[in-house]
C-alpha atoms as a PDB file:
ATOM      1  CA  MET A   1       3.725 -25.618  29.864  1.00  0.00           C
ATOM      2  CA  ASP A   2       6.864 -24.150  28.214  1.00  0.00           C
ATOM      3  CA  LEU A   3       6.302 -22.793  24.787  1.00  0.00           C
ATOM      4  CA  SER A   4       9.966 -21.389  24.494  1.00  0.00           C
ATOM      5  CA  PHE A   5      10.334 -24.177  21.777  1.00  0.00           C
ATOM      6  CA  LEU A   6       7.828 -21.532  19.203  1.00  0.00           C
ATOM      7  CA  SER A   7      11.230 -19.208  19.233  1.00  0.00           C
ATOM      8  CA  GLU A   8      13.002 -21.249  16.654  1.00  0.00           C
ATOM      9  CA  PHE A   9       9.551 -20.584  14.444  1.00  0.00           C
ATOM     10  CA  ILE A  10      10.463 -16.731  13.969  1.00  0.00           C
ATOM     11  CA  ASN A  11      12.328 -15.491  11.859  1.00  0.00           C
ATOM     12  CA  LEU A  12      13.269 -11.717  12.601  1.00  0.00           C
ATOM     13  CA  GLY A  13      13.448 -11.132   8.782  1.00  0.00           C
ATOM     14  CA  ILE A  14       9.538 -11.960   8.104  1.00  0.00           C
ATOM     15  CA  LEU A  15       8.793 -10.540  11.177  1.00  0.00           C
ATOM     16  CA  GLY A  16      10.081  -7.080  10.439  1.00  0.00           C
ATOM     17  CA  ILE A  17       8.991  -6.813   7.023  1.00  0.00           C
ATOM     18  CA  CYS A  18       5.583  -7.808   8.143  1.00  0.00           C
ATOM     19  CA  LEU A  19       5.577  -5.821  10.803  1.00  0.00           C
ATOM     20  CA  CYS A  20       6.286  -2.837   8.890  1.00  0.00           C
ATOM     21  CA  ILE A  21       4.348  -3.588   5.943  1.00  0.00           C
ATOM     22  CA  GLY A  22       1.162  -4.068   8.265  1.00  0.00           C
ATOM     23  CA  TYR A  23       1.284  -1.059   9.909  1.00  0.00           C
ATOM     24  CA  VAL A  24       1.438   0.746   6.773  1.00  0.00           C
ATOM     25  CA  ILE A  25      -1.776  -1.347   5.982  1.00  0.00           C
ATOM     26  CA  LYS A  26      -3.145  -0.047   8.830  1.00  0.00           C
ATOM     27  CA  THR A  27      -2.719   3.678   8.753  1.00  0.00           C
ATOM     28  CA  SER A  28      -2.766   4.265   5.341  1.00  0.00           C
ATOM     29  CA  LEU A  29      -5.339   1.726   3.674  1.00  0.00           C
ATOM     30  CA  ASP A  30      -8.417   2.574   5.317  1.00  0.00           C
ATOM     31  CA  PHE A  31     -10.574   0.368   2.693  1.00  0.00           C
ATOM     32  CA  ILE A  32      -8.632  -2.729   4.090  1.00  0.00           C
ATOM     33  CA  PRO A  33     -10.640  -3.502   7.237  1.00  0.00           C
ATOM     34  CA  ASN A  34      -8.585  -4.043  10.371  1.00  0.00           C
ATOM     35  CA  LYS A  35     -10.000  -7.713  10.433  1.00  0.00           C
ATOM     36  CA  TYR A  36      -7.951  -9.140   7.413  1.00  0.00           C
ATOM     37  CA  ILE A  37      -4.333  -7.529   8.692  1.00  0.00           C
ATOM     38  CA  PRO A  38      -4.100 -11.104  10.824  1.00  0.00           C
ATOM     39  CA  LEU A  39      -4.611 -13.176   7.350  1.00  0.00           C
ATOM     40  CA  ILE A  40      -2.790 -10.691   4.982  1.00  0.00           C
ATOM     41  CA  MET A  41       0.614 -11.052   7.465  1.00  0.00           C
ATOM     42  CA  LEU A  42       0.321 -14.969   7.388  1.00  0.00           C
ATOM     43  CA  ILE A  43      -0.091 -14.902   3.853  1.00  0.00           C
ATOM     44  CA  LEU A  44       2.973 -12.549   3.606  1.00  0.00           C
ATOM     45  CA  GLY A  45       4.715 -14.558   5.988  1.00  0.00           C
ATOM     46  CA  THR A  46       4.143 -17.729   3.943  1.00  0.00           C
ATOM     47  CA  ILE A  47       5.125 -16.475   0.655  1.00  0.00           C
ATOM     48  CA  LEU A  48       8.424 -14.486   2.344  1.00  0.00           C
ATOM     49  CA  GLY A  49       9.468 -17.693   3.985  1.00  0.00           C
ATOM     50  CA  ILE A  50       9.080 -19.904   0.972  1.00  0.00           C
ATOM     51  CA  VAL A  51      10.772 -17.224  -1.248  1.00  0.00           C
ATOM     52  CA  THR A  52      13.969 -16.877   1.315  1.00  0.00           C
ATOM     53  CA  ASN A  53      14.426 -20.735   1.310  1.00  0.00           C
ATOM     54  CA  LEU A  54      13.422 -22.143  -1.991  1.00  0.00           C
ATOM     55  CA  ASP A  55      16.280 -24.404  -1.807  1.00  0.00           C
ATOM     56  CA  SER A  56      15.450 -26.020   1.298  1.00  0.00           C
ATOM     57  CA  LEU A  57      12.032 -25.873   1.208  1.00  0.00           C
ATOM     58  CA  SER A  58      10.131 -28.023   4.054  1.00  0.00           C
ATOM     59  CA  ILE A  59       7.142 -27.886   6.522  1.00  0.00           C
ATOM     60  CA  ASN A  60       9.575 -26.074   9.059  1.00  0.00           C
ATOM     61  CA  VAL A  61       9.860 -23.232   6.302  1.00  0.00           C
ATOM     62  CA  VAL A  62       6.429 -23.017   5.710  1.00  0.00           C
ATOM     63  CA  LEU A  63       5.507 -22.961   9.670  1.00  0.00           C
ATOM     64  CA  THR A  64       8.205 -20.222  10.051  1.00  0.00           C
ATOM     65  CA  GLY A  65       6.956 -18.021   7.436  1.00  0.00           C
ATOM     66  CA  MET A  66       3.137 -18.492   8.891  1.00  0.00           C
ATOM     67  CA  PHE A  67       4.332 -18.232  12.198  1.00  0.00           C
ATOM     68  CA  SER A  68       6.339 -15.160  11.764  1.00  0.00           C
ATOM     69  CA  GLY A  69       3.765 -13.516   9.681  1.00  0.00           C
ATOM     70  CA  LEU A  70       1.229 -13.939  12.983  1.00  0.00           C
ATOM     71  CA  ALA A  71       3.785 -12.892  15.399  1.00  0.00           C
ATOM     72  CA  SER A  72       3.834  -9.186  13.589  1.00  0.00           C
ATOM     73  CA  THR A  73       0.404  -8.468  14.396  1.00  0.00           C
ATOM     74  CA  GLY A  74       1.055  -9.146  18.098  1.00  0.00           C
ATOM     75  CA  MET A  75       3.987  -7.407  18.270  1.00  0.00           C
ATOM     76  CA  TYR A  76       2.292  -3.937  16.662  1.00  0.00           C
ATOM     77  CA  GLU A  77      -0.209  -4.493  19.681  1.00  0.00           C
ATOM     78  CA  MET A  78       2.414  -4.910  21.870  1.00  0.00           C
ATOM     79  CA  PHE A  79       4.134  -1.673  20.745  1.00  0.00           C
ATOM     80  CA  LYS A  80       1.244  -0.068  20.630  1.00  0.00           C
ATOM     81  CA  ASN A  81      -0.032  -0.738  24.035  1.00  0.00           C
ATOM     82  CA  LEU A  82       3.476   0.111  25.624  1.00  0.00           C
ATOM     83  CA  ILE A  83       3.575   3.335  23.644  1.00  0.00           C
ATOM     84  CA  ASN A  84      -0.231   4.126  24.468  1.00  0.00           C
ATOM     85  CA  LYS A  85       0.596   3.196  28.348  1.00  0.00           C
ATOM     86  CA  GLU A  86       4.012   5.734  28.522  1.00  0.00           C
ATOM     87  CA  SER A  87       1.832   8.723  27.363  1.00  0.00           C
ATOM     88  CA  GLU A  88      -0.950   8.156  29.778  1.00  0.00           C
END
């Protein structure tokens, strides 16, 4: 199954912002459980997607924000695993 069409729903700006904010939440805000970070990134990505595309709001804009926010959590885990493998 080819999932390459999903790449059109990733906004690198939103992904980067969500990645950085997710990292800060994970490492600095101990009162927020880790299980809520993907939900926070989904909401943040959706808000950023809508705000950056107010003039052409559509379901694709909302999906791009949601997908980019959630992709940031996966990217964080990928970087964390890569760094841990290199340190071994």
